[in-house]
């Protein structure tokens, strides 16, 4: 065989190898498709929206469909596989866990109760509130848990008032402004309008820094075990998006205009400052204390959650890996000092 023949055979062999490898490389480069739901149209879920619009999901090899689904719909979607990731509060998650759903909290978006408990002026004390209607979203949501804590701070029990489920945060806010409920827990941007309307802030839970999963990112344990690299990529994107939220006011406020419908600049600034200084964590790793606080608030209405193994519901490794990769590992939360609690 001549050298020319040898070179020709080698070239043909190389071409064949490249033809085999190319489809595999194309398949590897194809983004992983996910559906991620979020339960409320509030700034708690701003990192999810930023990660989608700013391209952080795409950067980490994900093709993510972001959907608004109230928690009562988001958890069933998670169980049936219609969504692979759910942005929901810890109260809804522990209620689902008590029913047998095995969930993992992989990132905490707001790690304390961010609510303020507001009342109409004529009901601005504990005695006046007794027997009055207090608005909540649902009897399992984070707003309900925050309401229970606020009532306890005032020396009241949930049974002392008429707890009224209204379905969504928007409904709760509008009902308080309209006077169809006497009091309700909420946070910016709604509280900007509450203050201007002459309502009274009775309990500022945000200042108390009580641990809670007001909003978190959850997956089923089955999905996590089968798709660890996908979950890691998602958390990597959300950690970057959280940093973008804190460092880029203009972009964060443009997202609030788009998704929350807040157009007034003063209201946008009020909301942004509140979340950056009071709510957005420096370290979004989940802790047992956050879930335990949600359990404590719901225990009277759902005794079954007392037996939950809280340690099995969190996984800090995804945030730890993301922070190491980004070089941003910190402790505590913005405006507070407690170090990360291990499992």
C-alpha atoms as a PDB file:
ATOM      1  CA  UNK A   1       0.000   0.000   0.000  1.00  0.00           C
ATOM      2  CA  UNK A   2       1.420   3.384  -1.021  1.00  0.00           C
ATOM      3  CA  UNK A   3       1.734   6.337   1.336  1.00  0.00           C
ATOM      4  CA  UNK A   4      -1.013   8.089  -0.655  1.00  0.00           C
ATOM      5  CA  UNK A   5      -3.384   5.178  -0.013  1.00  0.00           C
ATOM      6  CA  UNK A   6      -2.471   5.181   3.662  1.00  0.00           C
ATOM      7  CA  UNK A   7      -3.172   8.913   3.957  1.00  0.00           C
ATOM      8  CA  UNK A   8      -6.486   8.490   2.149  1.00  0.00           C
ATOM      9  CA  UNK A   9      -7.598   5.664   4.456  1.00  0.00           C
ATOM     10  CA  UNK A  10      -6.587   7.692   7.510  1.00  0.00           C
ATOM     11  CA  UNK A  11      -8.569  10.665   6.266  1.00  0.00           C
ATOM     12  CA  UNK A  12     -11.625   8.496   5.612  1.00  0.00           C
ATOM     13  CA  UNK A  13     -11.331   6.957   9.098  1.00  0.00           C
ATOM     14  CA  UNK A  14     -11.084  10.389  10.702  1.00  0.00           C
ATOM     15  CA  UNK A  15     -14.114  11.616   8.783  1.00  0.00           C
ATOM     16  CA  UNK A  16     -16.108   8.609   9.912  1.00  0.00           C
ATOM     17  CA  UNK A  17     -15.138   9.219  13.540  1.00  0.00           C
ATOM     18  CA  UNK A  18     -16.133  12.882  13.301  1.00  0.00           C
ATOM     19  CA  UNK A  19     -19.458  11.905  11.738  1.00  0.00           C
ATOM     20  CA  UNK A  20     -20.148   9.677  14.742  1.00  0.00           C
ATOM     21  CA  UNK A  21     -19.059  12.245  17.310  1.00  0.00           C
ATOM     22  CA  UNK A  22     -20.856  15.265  15.817  1.00  0.00           C
ATOM     23  CA  UNK A  23     -24.437  14.087  16.558  1.00  0.00           C
ATOM     24  CA  UNK A  24     -23.410  13.220  20.122  1.00  0.00           C
ATOM     25  CA  UNK A  25     -21.938  16.682  20.616  1.00  0.00           C
ATOM     26  CA  UNK A  26     -25.085  18.268  19.179  1.00  0.00           C
ATOM     27  CA  UNK A  27     -27.229  16.219  21.531  1.00  0.00           C
ATOM     28  CA  UNK A  28     -25.054  17.177  24.494  1.00  0.00           C
ATOM     29  CA  UNK A  29     -25.366  20.857  23.576  1.00  0.00           C
ATOM     30  CA  UNK A  30     -29.165  20.745  23.397  1.00  0.00           C
ATOM     31  CA  UNK A  31     -30.609  22.588  26.434  1.00  0.00           C
ATOM     32  CA  UNK A  32     -32.460  20.568  29.042  1.00  0.00           C
ATOM     33  CA  UNK A  33     -36.130  21.499  29.066  1.00  0.00           C
ATOM     34  CA  UNK A  34     -37.779  22.346  32.393  1.00  0.00           C
ATOM     35  CA  UNK A  35     -41.001  23.893  33.581  1.00  0.00           C
ATOM     36  CA  UNK A  36     -40.645  26.044  36.700  1.00  0.00           C
ATOM     37  CA  UNK A  37     -43.786  27.377  38.371  1.00  0.00           C
ATOM     38  CA  UNK A  38     -44.034  30.239  40.857  1.00  0.00           C
ATOM     39  CA  UNK A  39     -46.945  30.665  43.219  1.00  0.00           C
ATOM     40  CA  UNK A  40     -47.427  34.407  43.639  1.00  0.00           C
ATOM     41  CA  UNK A  41     -46.898  37.492  41.515  1.00  0.00           C
ATOM     42  CA  UNK A  42     -44.623  39.114  44.071  1.00  0.00           C
ATOM     43  CA  UNK A  43     -41.020  40.301  44.152  1.00  0.00           C
ATOM     44  CA  UNK A  44     -40.096  37.190  46.184  1.00  0.00           C
ATOM     45  CA  UNK A  45     -39.813  35.354  42.865  1.00  0.00           C
ATOM     46  CA  UNK A  46     -37.880  38.074  41.038  1.00  0.00           C
ATOM     47  CA  UNK A  47     -34.719  35.894  40.706  1.00  0.00           C
ATOM     48  CA  UNK A  48     -36.742  33.319  38.738  1.00  0.00           C
ATOM     49  CA  UNK A  49     -37.933  35.985  36.318  1.00  0.00           C
ATOM     50  CA  UNK A  50     -34.487  37.562  36.047  1.00  0.00           C
ATOM     51  CA  UNK A  51     -32.857  34.184  35.374  1.00  0.00           C
ATOM     52  CA  UNK A  52     -35.283  33.674  32.500  1.00  0.00           C
ATOM     53  CA  UNK A  53     -35.153  37.142  30.952  1.00  0.00           C
ATOM     54  CA  UNK A  54     -31.427  37.809  31.470  1.00  0.00           C
ATOM     55  CA  UNK A  55     -30.413  34.458  29.989  1.00  0.00           C
ATOM     56  CA  UNK A  56     -28.958  32.780  33.081  1.00  0.00           C
ATOM     57  CA  UNK A  57     -30.970  29.613  32.561  1.00  0.00           C
ATOM     58  CA  UNK A  58     -29.792  29.444  28.965  1.00  0.00           C
ATOM     59  CA  UNK A  59     -26.202  30.106  30.058  1.00  0.00           C
ATOM     60  CA  UNK A  60     -26.364  27.002  32.247  1.00  0.00           C
ATOM     61  CA  UNK A  61     -27.763  24.750  29.553  1.00  0.00           C
ATOM     62  CA  UNK A  62     -31.447  24.972  30.446  1.00  0.00           C
ATOM     63  CA  UNK A  63     -34.531  25.758  28.397  1.00  0.00           C
ATOM     64  CA  UNK A  64     -36.916  26.831  31.164  1.00  0.00           C
ATOM     65  CA  UNK A  65     -40.604  27.582  30.779  1.00  0.00           C
ATOM     66  CA  UNK A  66     -41.624  29.833  33.677  1.00  0.00           C
ATOM     67  CA  UNK A  67     -45.306  29.617  34.625  1.00  0.00           C
ATOM     68  CA  UNK A  68     -47.402  31.344  37.242  1.00  0.00           C
ATOM     69  CA  UNK A  69     -49.323  28.667  39.153  1.00  0.00           C
ATOM     70  CA  UNK A  70     -50.832  29.220  42.622  1.00  0.00           C
ATOM     71  CA  UNK A  71     -49.422  26.736  45.137  1.00  0.00           C
ATOM     72  CA  UNK A  72     -52.655  24.740  45.100  1.00  0.00           C
ATOM     73  CA  UNK A  73     -51.971  24.094  41.404  1.00  0.00           C
ATOM     74  CA  UNK A  74     -48.178  24.164  41.509  1.00  0.00           C
ATOM     75  CA  UNK A  75     -47.783  21.234  43.886  1.00  0.00           C
ATOM     76  CA  UNK A  76     -50.065  18.896  41.882  1.00  0.00           C
ATOM     77  CA  UNK A  77     -48.164  19.952  38.742  1.00  0.00           C
ATOM     78  CA  UNK A  78     -44.927  19.016  40.495  1.00  0.00           C
ATOM     79  CA  UNK A  79     -46.286  15.630  41.562  1.00  0.00           C
ATOM     80  CA  UNK A  80     -47.592  14.759  38.099  1.00  0.00           C
ATOM     81  CA  UNK A  81     -44.489  15.990  36.275  1.00  0.00           C
ATOM     82  CA  UNK A  82     -46.227  18.865  34.490  1.00  0.00           C
ATOM     83  CA  UNK A  83     -43.645  21.041  36.273  1.00  0.00           C
ATOM     84  CA  UNK A  84     -40.256  19.856  37.462  1.00  0.00           C
ATOM     85  CA  UNK A  85     -39.563  22.771  39.808  1.00  0.00           C
ATOM     86  CA  UNK A  86     -41.907  24.830  41.996  1.00  0.00           C
ATOM     87  CA  UNK A  87     -41.365  28.219  43.576  1.00  0.00           C
ATOM     88  CA  UNK A  88     -43.624  28.060  46.640  1.00  0.00           C
ATOM     89  CA  UNK A  89     -43.602  28.917  50.320  1.00  0.00           C
ATOM     90  CA  UNK A  90     -42.578  26.537  53.070  1.00  0.00           C
ATOM     91  CA  UNK A  91     -46.055  26.393  54.569  1.00  0.00           C
ATOM     92  CA  UNK A  92     -47.563  24.939  51.405  1.00  0.00           C
ATOM     93  CA  UNK A  93     -44.619  22.557  51.080  1.00  0.00           C
ATOM     94  CA  UNK A  94     -44.884  21.140  54.608  1.00  0.00           C
ATOM     95  CA  UNK A  95     -48.633  20.714  54.146  1.00  0.00           C
ATOM     96  CA  UNK A  96     -47.946  18.714  50.975  1.00  0.00           C
ATOM     97  CA  UNK A  97     -45.216  16.723  52.736  1.00  0.00           C
ATOM     98  CA  UNK A  98     -47.707  15.766  55.450  1.00  0.00           C
ATOM     99  CA  UNK A  99     -49.897  14.309  52.680  1.00  0.00           C
ATOM    100  CA  UNK A 100     -47.040  12.088  51.488  1.00  0.00           C
ATOM    101  CA  UNK A 101     -45.314  14.224  48.856  1.00  0.00           C
ATOM    102  CA  UNK A 102     -41.534  13.967  49.189  1.00  0.00           C
ATOM    103  CA  UNK A 103     -40.024  17.370  48.487  1.00  0.00           C
ATOM    104  CA  UNK A 104     -36.581  18.947  48.662  1.00  0.00           C
ATOM    105  CA  UNK A 105     -35.887  22.614  49.274  1.00  0.00           C
ATOM    106  CA  UNK A 106     -32.783  23.426  47.222  1.00  0.00           C
ATOM    107  CA  UNK A 107     -32.722  27.229  47.465  1.00  0.00           C
ATOM    108  CA  UNK A 108     -34.470  29.800  49.660  1.00  0.00           C
ATOM    109  CA  UNK A 109     -35.519  32.999  47.919  1.00  0.00           C
ATOM    110  CA  UNK A 110     -36.792  34.796  51.037  1.00  0.00           C
ATOM    111  CA  UNK A 111     -35.552  33.167  54.274  1.00  0.00           C
ATOM    112  CA  UNK A 112     -37.553  35.151  56.832  1.00  0.00           C
ATOM    113  CA  UNK A 113     -41.138  36.296  57.271  1.00  0.00           C
ATOM    114  CA  UNK A 114     -41.180  39.374  55.036  1.00  0.00           C
ATOM    115  CA  UNK A 115     -44.716  40.401  55.970  1.00  0.00           C
ATOM    116  CA  UNK A 116     -46.052  43.416  57.785  1.00  0.00           C
ATOM    117  CA  UNK A 117     -49.457  43.081  59.442  1.00  0.00           C
ATOM    118  CA  UNK A 118     -51.662  46.029  58.496  1.00  0.00           C
ATOM    119  CA  UNK A 119     -55.091  47.050  59.778  1.00  0.00           C
ATOM    120  CA  UNK A 120     -57.661  49.664  58.969  1.00  0.00           C
ATOM    121  CA  UNK A 121     -57.458  52.527  61.519  1.00  0.00           C
ATOM    122  CA  UNK A 122     -60.580  51.547  63.468  1.00  0.00           C
ATOM    123  CA  UNK A 123     -59.092  48.061  64.077  1.00  0.00           C
ATOM    124  CA  UNK A 124     -55.553  49.145  64.922  1.00  0.00           C
ATOM    125  CA  UNK A 125     -55.250  47.256  68.224  1.00  0.00           C
ATOM    126  CA  UNK A 126     -55.704  43.695  69.407  1.00  0.00           C
ATOM    127  CA  UNK A 127     -58.985  44.286  71.197  1.00  0.00           C
ATOM    128  CA  UNK A 128     -60.607  45.975  68.192  1.00  0.00           C
ATOM    129  CA  UNK A 129     -59.485  43.147  65.902  1.00  0.00           C
ATOM    130  CA  UNK A 130     -61.305  40.429  67.833  1.00  0.00           C
ATOM    131  CA  UNK A 131     -64.094  38.917  65.764  1.00  0.00           C
ATOM    132  CA  UNK A 132     -63.103  40.850  62.633  1.00  0.00           C
ATOM    133  CA  UNK A 133     -62.250  39.428  59.197  1.00  0.00           C
ATOM    134  CA  UNK A 134     -58.519  38.951  58.503  1.00  0.00           C
ATOM    135  CA  UNK A 135     -57.575  38.194  54.911  1.00  0.00           C
ATOM    136  CA  UNK A 136     -55.226  35.382  53.864  1.00  0.00           C
ATOM    137  CA  UNK A 137     -54.545  33.611  50.571  1.00  0.00           C
ATOM    138  CA  UNK A 138     -55.164  30.057  51.818  1.00  0.00           C
ATOM    139  CA  UNK A 139     -55.024  28.091  55.051  1.00  0.00           C
ATOM    140  CA  UNK A 140     -51.717  26.492  54.014  1.00  0.00           C
ATOM    141  CA  UNK A 141     -49.838  29.425  52.500  1.00  0.00           C
ATOM    142  CA  UNK A 142     -46.930  31.510  53.758  1.00  0.00           C
ATOM    143  CA  UNK A 143     -49.262  34.476  54.203  1.00  0.00           C
ATOM    144  CA  UNK A 144     -51.352  32.422  56.621  1.00  0.00           C
ATOM    145  CA  UNK A 145     -48.268  31.364  58.582  1.00  0.00           C
ATOM    146  CA  UNK A 146     -47.113  34.982  58.770  1.00  0.00           C
ATOM    147  CA  UNK A 147     -50.582  36.043  59.892  1.00  0.00           C
ATOM    148  CA  UNK A 148     -50.533  33.469  62.701  1.00  0.00           C
ATOM    149  CA  UNK A 149     -47.153  34.773  63.896  1.00  0.00           C
ATOM    150  CA  UNK A 150     -48.359  38.385  63.732  1.00  0.00           C
ATOM    151  CA  UNK A 151     -51.515  37.570  65.695  1.00  0.00           C
ATOM    152  CA  UNK A 152     -49.427  35.790  68.346  1.00  0.00           C
ATOM    153  CA  UNK A 153     -47.276  38.917  68.623  1.00  0.00           C
ATOM    154  CA  UNK A 154     -50.459  40.870  69.378  1.00  0.00           C
ATOM    155  CA  UNK A 155     -51.544  38.306  71.968  1.00  0.00           C
ATOM    156  CA  UNK A 156     -54.256  36.849  69.725  1.00  0.00           C
ATOM    157  CA  UNK A 157     -55.044  33.358  68.417  1.00  0.00           C
ATOM    158  CA  UNK A 158     -56.365  32.643  64.914  1.00  0.00           C
ATOM    159  CA  UNK A 159     -59.674  31.693  66.513  1.00  0.00           C
ATOM    160  CA  UNK A 160     -59.968  35.227  67.936  1.00  0.00           C
ATOM    161  CA  UNK A 161     -60.532  36.609  64.423  1.00  0.00           C
ATOM    162  CA  UNK A 162     -62.425  35.494  61.310  1.00  0.00           C
ATOM    163  CA  UNK A 163     -59.675  34.110  59.087  1.00  0.00           C
ATOM    164  CA  UNK A 164     -60.856  34.606  55.491  1.00  0.00           C
ATOM    165  CA  UNK A 165     -59.137  32.823  52.535  1.00  0.00           C
ATOM    166  CA  UNK A 166     -59.202  35.031  49.435  1.00  0.00           C
ATOM    167  CA  UNK A 167     -57.141  33.027  46.966  1.00  0.00           C
ATOM    168  CA  UNK A 168     -54.285  35.349  45.991  1.00  0.00           C
ATOM    169  CA  UNK A 169     -52.095  38.115  47.383  1.00  0.00           C
ATOM    170  CA  UNK A 170     -53.715  40.589  44.984  1.00  0.00           C
ATOM    171  CA  UNK A 171     -57.173  39.702  46.313  1.00  0.00           C
ATOM    172  CA  UNK A 172     -55.976  40.094  49.905  1.00  0.00           C
ATOM    173  CA  UNK A 173     -54.433  43.499  49.223  1.00  0.00           C
ATOM    174  CA  UNK A 174     -57.453  44.811  47.348  1.00  0.00           C
ATOM    175  CA  UNK A 175     -59.827  43.562  50.043  1.00  0.00           C
ATOM    176  CA  UNK A 176     -57.921  45.404  52.763  1.00  0.00           C
ATOM    177  CA  UNK A 177     -57.832  48.612  50.748  1.00  0.00           C
ATOM    178  CA  UNK A 178     -61.557  48.300  50.029  1.00  0.00           C
ATOM    179  CA  UNK A 179     -62.400  47.627  53.678  1.00  0.00           C
ATOM    180  CA  UNK A 180     -63.930  44.187  53.172  1.00  0.00           C
ATOM    181  CA  UNK A 181     -61.387  42.793  55.659  1.00  0.00           C
ATOM    182  CA  UNK A 182     -60.157  44.535  58.788  1.00  0.00           C
ATOM    183  CA  UNK A 183     -56.526  43.461  58.577  1.00  0.00           C
ATOM    184  CA  UNK A 184     -54.051  41.415  56.543  1.00  0.00           C
ATOM    185  CA  UNK A 185     -50.367  40.632  56.236  1.00  0.00           C
ATOM    186  CA  UNK A 186     -48.576  41.874  53.146  1.00  0.00           C
ATOM    187  CA  UNK A 187     -45.350  43.387  51.834  1.00  0.00           C
ATOM    188  CA  UNK A 188     -44.226  45.868  49.152  1.00  0.00           C
ATOM    189  CA  UNK A 189     -45.366  47.028  46.726  1.00  0.00           C
ATOM    190  CA  UNK A 190     -48.827  46.791  48.339  1.00  0.00           C
ATOM    191  CA  UNK A 191     -47.699  48.282  51.642  1.00  0.00           C
ATOM    192  CA  UNK A 192     -46.663  51.458  49.825  1.00  0.00           C
ATOM    193  CA  UNK A 193     -50.342  51.939  48.943  1.00  0.00           C
ATOM    194  CA  UNK A 194     -51.454  50.881  52.440  1.00  0.00           C
ATOM    195  CA  UNK A 195     -49.384  53.633  54.000  1.00  0.00           C
ATOM    196  CA  UNK A 196     -50.693  56.249  51.598  1.00  0.00           C
ATOM    197  CA  UNK A 197     -54.264  55.104  52.320  1.00  0.00           C
ATOM    198  CA  UNK A 198     -53.807  55.691  56.051  1.00  0.00           C
ATOM    199  CA  UNK A 199     -53.723  52.039  57.133  1.00  0.00           C
ATOM    200  CA  UNK A 200     -51.745  51.113  60.247  1.00  0.00           C
ATOM    201  CA  UNK A 201     -48.725  48.781  60.384  1.00  0.00           C
ATOM    202  CA  UNK A 202     -49.379  46.803  63.577  1.00  0.00           C
ATOM    203  CA  UNK A 203     -46.566  44.213  63.379  1.00  0.00           C
ATOM    204  CA  UNK A 204     -43.451  44.452  61.213  1.00  0.00           C
ATOM    205  CA  UNK A 205     -42.319  40.829  60.937  1.00  0.00           C
ATOM    206  CA  UNK A 206     -39.679  41.746  58.351  1.00  0.00           C
ATOM    207  CA  UNK A 207     -37.720  43.645  61.004  1.00  0.00           C
ATOM    208  CA  UNK A 208     -37.845  40.681  63.405  1.00  0.00           C
ATOM    209  CA  UNK A 209     -35.899  38.370  61.006  1.00  0.00           C
ATOM    210  CA  UNK A 210     -37.844  35.260  62.027  1.00  0.00           C
ATOM    211  CA  UNK A 211     -36.645  32.277  59.929  1.00  0.00           C
ATOM    212  CA  UNK A 212     -39.170  31.090  57.362  1.00  0.00           C
ATOM    213  CA  UNK A 213     -39.391  29.858  53.812  1.00  0.00           C
ATOM    214  CA  UNK A 214     -41.560  32.725  52.650  1.00  0.00           C
ATOM    215  CA  UNK A 215     -40.542  31.658  49.152  1.00  0.00           C
ATOM    216  CA  UNK A 216     -38.309  28.785  48.125  1.00  0.00           C
ATOM    217  CA  UNK A 217     -37.403  26.569  45.180  1.00  0.00           C
ATOM    218  CA  UNK A 218     -38.558  22.971  45.548  1.00  0.00           C
ATOM    219  CA  UNK A 219     -38.220  19.741  43.582  1.00  0.00           C
ATOM    220  CA  UNK A 220     -39.445  16.246  44.309  1.00  0.00           C
ATOM    221  CA  UNK A 221     -36.897  13.948  45.885  1.00  0.00           C
ATOM    222  CA  UNK A 222     -37.312  11.577  42.931  1.00  0.00           C
ATOM    223  CA  UNK A 223     -36.510  14.302  40.392  1.00  0.00           C
ATOM    224  CA  UNK A 224     -33.508  15.473  42.403  1.00  0.00           C
ATOM    225  CA  UNK A 225     -31.981  11.991  42.622  1.00  0.00           C
ATOM    226  CA  UNK A 226     -32.479  11.361  38.915  1.00  0.00           C
ATOM    227  CA  UNK A 227     -31.384  14.816  37.709  1.00  0.00           C
ATOM    228  CA  UNK A 228     -28.776  16.238  40.077  1.00  0.00           C
ATOM    229  CA  UNK A 229     -26.808  17.994  37.343  1.00  0.00           C
ATOM    230  CA  UNK A 230     -29.979  19.653  36.032  1.00  0.00           C
ATOM    231  CA  UNK A 231     -30.938  20.830  39.515  1.00  0.00           C
ATOM    232  CA  UNK A 232     -27.405  22.139  40.001  1.00  0.00           C
ATOM    233  CA  UNK A 233     -27.556  24.098  36.751  1.00  0.00           C
ATOM    234  CA  UNK A 234     -30.877  25.604  37.802  1.00  0.00           C
ATOM    235  CA  UNK A 235     -29.544  26.661  41.203  1.00  0.00           C
ATOM    236  CA  UNK A 236     -26.394  28.083  39.562  1.00  0.00           C
ATOM    237  CA  UNK A 237     -28.621  30.254  37.361  1.00  0.00           C
ATOM    238  CA  UNK A 238     -30.777  31.425  40.270  1.00  0.00           C
ATOM    239  CA  UNK A 239     -27.764  32.324  42.421  1.00  0.00           C
ATOM    240  CA  UNK A 240     -26.456  34.474  39.563  1.00  0.00           C
ATOM    241  CA  UNK A 241     -29.892  36.032  39.101  1.00  0.00           C
ATOM    242  CA  UNK A 242     -30.076  36.894  42.808  1.00  0.00           C
ATOM    243  CA  UNK A 243     -26.742  38.693  42.544  1.00  0.00           C
ATOM    244  CA  UNK A 244     -28.047  40.554  39.492  1.00  0.00           C
ATOM    245  CA  UNK A 245     -31.148  41.602  41.417  1.00  0.00           C
ATOM    246  CA  UNK A 246     -29.017  43.105  44.178  1.00  0.00           C
ATOM    247  CA  UNK A 247     -26.506  44.805  41.889  1.00  0.00           C
ATOM    248  CA  UNK A 248     -28.685  46.095  39.043  1.00  0.00           C
ATOM    249  CA  UNK A 249     -31.558  48.221  40.347  1.00  0.00           C
ATOM    250  CA  UNK A 250     -32.602  49.382  36.865  1.00  0.00           C
ATOM    251  CA  UNK A 251     -32.991  45.862  35.510  1.00  0.00           C
ATOM    252  CA  UNK A 252     -34.712  44.555  38.651  1.00  0.00           C
ATOM    253  CA  UNK A 253     -37.185  47.432  38.567  1.00  0.00           C
ATOM    254  CA  UNK A 254     -37.848  46.849  34.863  1.00  0.00           C
ATOM    255  CA  UNK A 255     -38.767  43.250  35.735  1.00  0.00           C
ATOM    256  CA  UNK A 256     -41.151  44.497  38.436  1.00  0.00           C
ATOM    257  CA  UNK A 257     -42.809  46.774  35.893  1.00  0.00           C
ATOM    258  CA  UNK A 258     -43.190  43.872  33.498  1.00  0.00           C
ATOM    259  CA  UNK A 259     -44.432  41.172  35.867  1.00  0.00           C
ATOM    260  CA  UNK A 260     -45.921  43.010  38.852  1.00  0.00           C
ATOM    261  CA  UNK A 261     -47.445  45.904  36.935  1.00  0.00           C
ATOM    262  CA  UNK A 262     -45.820  48.502  39.185  1.00  0.00           C
ATOM    263  CA  UNK A 263     -45.405  51.681  37.135  1.00  0.00           C
ATOM    264  CA  UNK A 264     -44.976  54.403  39.746  1.00  0.00           C
ATOM    265  CA  UNK A 265     -41.260  55.095  40.210  1.00  0.00           C
ATOM    266  CA  UNK A 266     -41.538  55.889  43.918  1.00  0.00           C
ATOM    267  CA  UNK A 267     -43.398  52.623  44.469  1.00  0.00           C
ATOM    268  CA  UNK A 268     -40.751  50.718  42.499  1.00  0.00           C
ATOM    269  CA  UNK A 269     -37.947  52.266  44.551  1.00  0.00           C
ATOM    270  CA  UNK A 270     -39.808  51.520  47.787  1.00  0.00           C
ATOM    271  CA  UNK A 271     -40.255  47.856  46.761  1.00  0.00           C
ATOM    272  CA  UNK A 272     -36.703  47.408  45.522  1.00  0.00           C
ATOM    273  CA  UNK A 273     -35.164  48.909  48.654  1.00  0.00           C
ATOM    274  CA  UNK A 274     -37.332  46.741  50.892  1.00  0.00           C
ATOM    275  CA  UNK A 275     -36.374  43.501  49.172  1.00  0.00           C
ATOM    276  CA  UNK A 276     -32.679  44.239  48.850  1.00  0.00           C
ATOM    277  CA  UNK A 277     -32.306  45.368  52.466  1.00  0.00           C
ATOM    278  CA  UNK A 278     -34.901  43.216  54.229  1.00  0.00           C
ATOM    279  CA  UNK A 279     -35.643  40.113  52.176  1.00  0.00           C
ATOM    280  CA  UNK A 280     -33.101  38.972  49.576  1.00  0.00           C
ATOM    281  CA  UNK A 281     -30.600  36.580  51.198  1.00  0.00           C
ATOM    282  CA  UNK A 282     -26.857  36.933  50.962  1.00  0.00           C
ATOM    283  CA  UNK A 283     -26.786  33.157  51.389  1.00  0.00           C
ATOM    284  CA  UNK A 284     -29.803  31.393  49.837  1.00  0.00           C
ATOM    285  CA  UNK A 285     -28.922  27.953  51.239  1.00  0.00           C
ATOM    286  CA  UNK A 286     -31.966  26.408  52.941  1.00  0.00           C
ATOM    287  CA  UNK A 287     -31.901  25.656  56.668  1.00  0.00           C
ATOM    288  CA  UNK A 288     -33.954  23.437  58.943  1.00  0.00           C
ATOM    289  CA  UNK A 289     -34.881  26.459  61.093  1.00  0.00           C
ATOM    290  CA  UNK A 290     -36.731  28.037  58.176  1.00  0.00           C
ATOM    291  CA  UNK A 291     -38.998  25.010  57.712  1.00  0.00           C
ATOM    292  CA  UNK A 292     -39.381  24.438  61.460  1.00  0.00           C
ATOM    293  CA  UNK A 293     -40.778  27.956  61.785  1.00  0.00           C
ATOM    294  CA  UNK A 294     -43.394  27.224  59.115  1.00  0.00           C
ATOM    295  CA  UNK A 295     -44.332  23.993  60.896  1.00  0.00           C
ATOM    296  CA  UNK A 296     -44.731  25.806  64.210  1.00  0.00           C
ATOM    297  CA  UNK A 297     -47.091  28.369  62.669  1.00  0.00           C
ATOM    298  CA  UNK A 298     -49.306  25.674  61.102  1.00  0.00           C
ATOM    299  CA  UNK A 299     -49.206  23.101  63.888  1.00  0.00           C
ATOM    300  CA  UNK A 300     -52.514  24.050  65.504  1.00  0.00           C
ATOM    301  CA  UNK A 301     -54.421  23.707  62.250  1.00  0.00           C
ATOM    302  CA  UNK A 302     -52.564  20.613  60.979  1.00  0.00           C
ATOM    303  CA  UNK A 303     -51.182  18.365  63.767  1.00  0.00           C
ATOM    304  CA  UNK A 304     -49.866  15.824  61.238  1.00  0.00           C
ATOM    305  CA  UNK A 305     -46.955  18.072  60.323  1.00  0.00           C
ATOM    306  CA  UNK A 306     -45.474  17.646  63.810  1.00  0.00           C
ATOM    307  CA  UNK A 307     -43.917  14.323  62.784  1.00  0.00           C
ATOM    308  CA  UNK A 308     -42.167  15.590  59.663  1.00  0.00           C
ATOM    309  CA  UNK A 309     -38.430  14.914  59.424  1.00  0.00           C
ATOM    310  CA  UNK A 310     -37.291  18.429  58.558  1.00  0.00           C
ATOM    311  CA  UNK A 311     -33.706  17.386  57.828  1.00  0.00           C
ATOM    312  CA  UNK A 312     -34.832  15.242  54.912  1.00  0.00           C
ATOM    313  CA  UNK A 313     -36.571  18.203  53.297  1.00  0.00           C
ATOM    314  CA  UNK A 314     -33.489  20.354  52.608  1.00  0.00           C
ATOM    315  CA  UNK A 315     -30.344  20.017  50.515  1.00  0.00           C
ATOM    316  CA  UNK A 316     -27.729  22.737  50.932  1.00  0.00           C
ATOM    317  CA  UNK A 317     -25.200  21.207  48.546  1.00  0.00           C
ATOM    318  CA  UNK A 318     -26.554  22.846  45.397  1.00  0.00           C
ATOM    319  CA  UNK A 319     -26.208  26.377  46.775  1.00  0.00           C
ATOM    320  CA  UNK A 320     -22.801  25.545  48.254  1.00  0.00           C
ATOM    321  CA  UNK A 321     -21.586  24.323  44.851  1.00  0.00           C
ATOM    322  CA  UNK A 322     -23.034  27.367  43.090  1.00  0.00           C
ATOM    323  CA  UNK A 323     -21.399  29.779  45.538  1.00  0.00           C
ATOM    324  CA  UNK A 324     -18.032  28.057  45.265  1.00  0.00           C
ATOM    325  CA  UNK A 325     -18.212  28.206  41.468  1.00  0.00           C
ATOM    326  CA  UNK A 326     -19.161  31.880  41.533  1.00  0.00           C
ATOM    327  CA  UNK A 327     -16.844  32.794  44.411  1.00  0.00           C
ATOM    328  CA  UNK A 328     -19.716  34.461  46.283  1.00  0.00           C
ATOM    329  CA  UNK A 329     -20.153  32.291  49.385  1.00  0.00           C
ATOM    330  CA  UNK A 330     -21.393  34.327  52.351  1.00  0.00           C
ATOM    331  CA  UNK A 331     -23.227  33.797  55.599  1.00  0.00           C
ATOM    332  CA  UNK A 332     -26.453  35.171  56.964  1.00  0.00           C
ATOM    333  CA  UNK A 333     -29.018  37.259  55.098  1.00  0.00           C
ATOM    334  CA  UNK A 334     -29.124  40.854  54.013  1.00  0.00           C
ATOM    335  CA  UNK A 335     -29.815  42.913  57.098  1.00  0.00           C
ATOM    336  CA  UNK A 336     -29.251  40.030  59.525  1.00  0.00           C
ATOM    337  CA  UNK A 337     -26.380  38.116  61.030  1.00  0.00           C
ATOM    338  CA  UNK A 338     -27.112  34.429  61.723  1.00  0.00           C
ATOM    339  CA  UNK A 339     -24.669  32.011  60.092  1.00  0.00           C
ATOM    340  CA  UNK A 340     -25.803  29.168  57.912  1.00  0.00           C
ATOM    341  CA  UNK A 341     -27.267  26.261  59.835  1.00  0.00           C
ATOM    342  CA  UNK A 342     -26.179  22.841  58.721  1.00  0.00           C
ATOM    343  CA  UNK A 343     -28.538  19.937  58.350  1.00  0.00           C
END
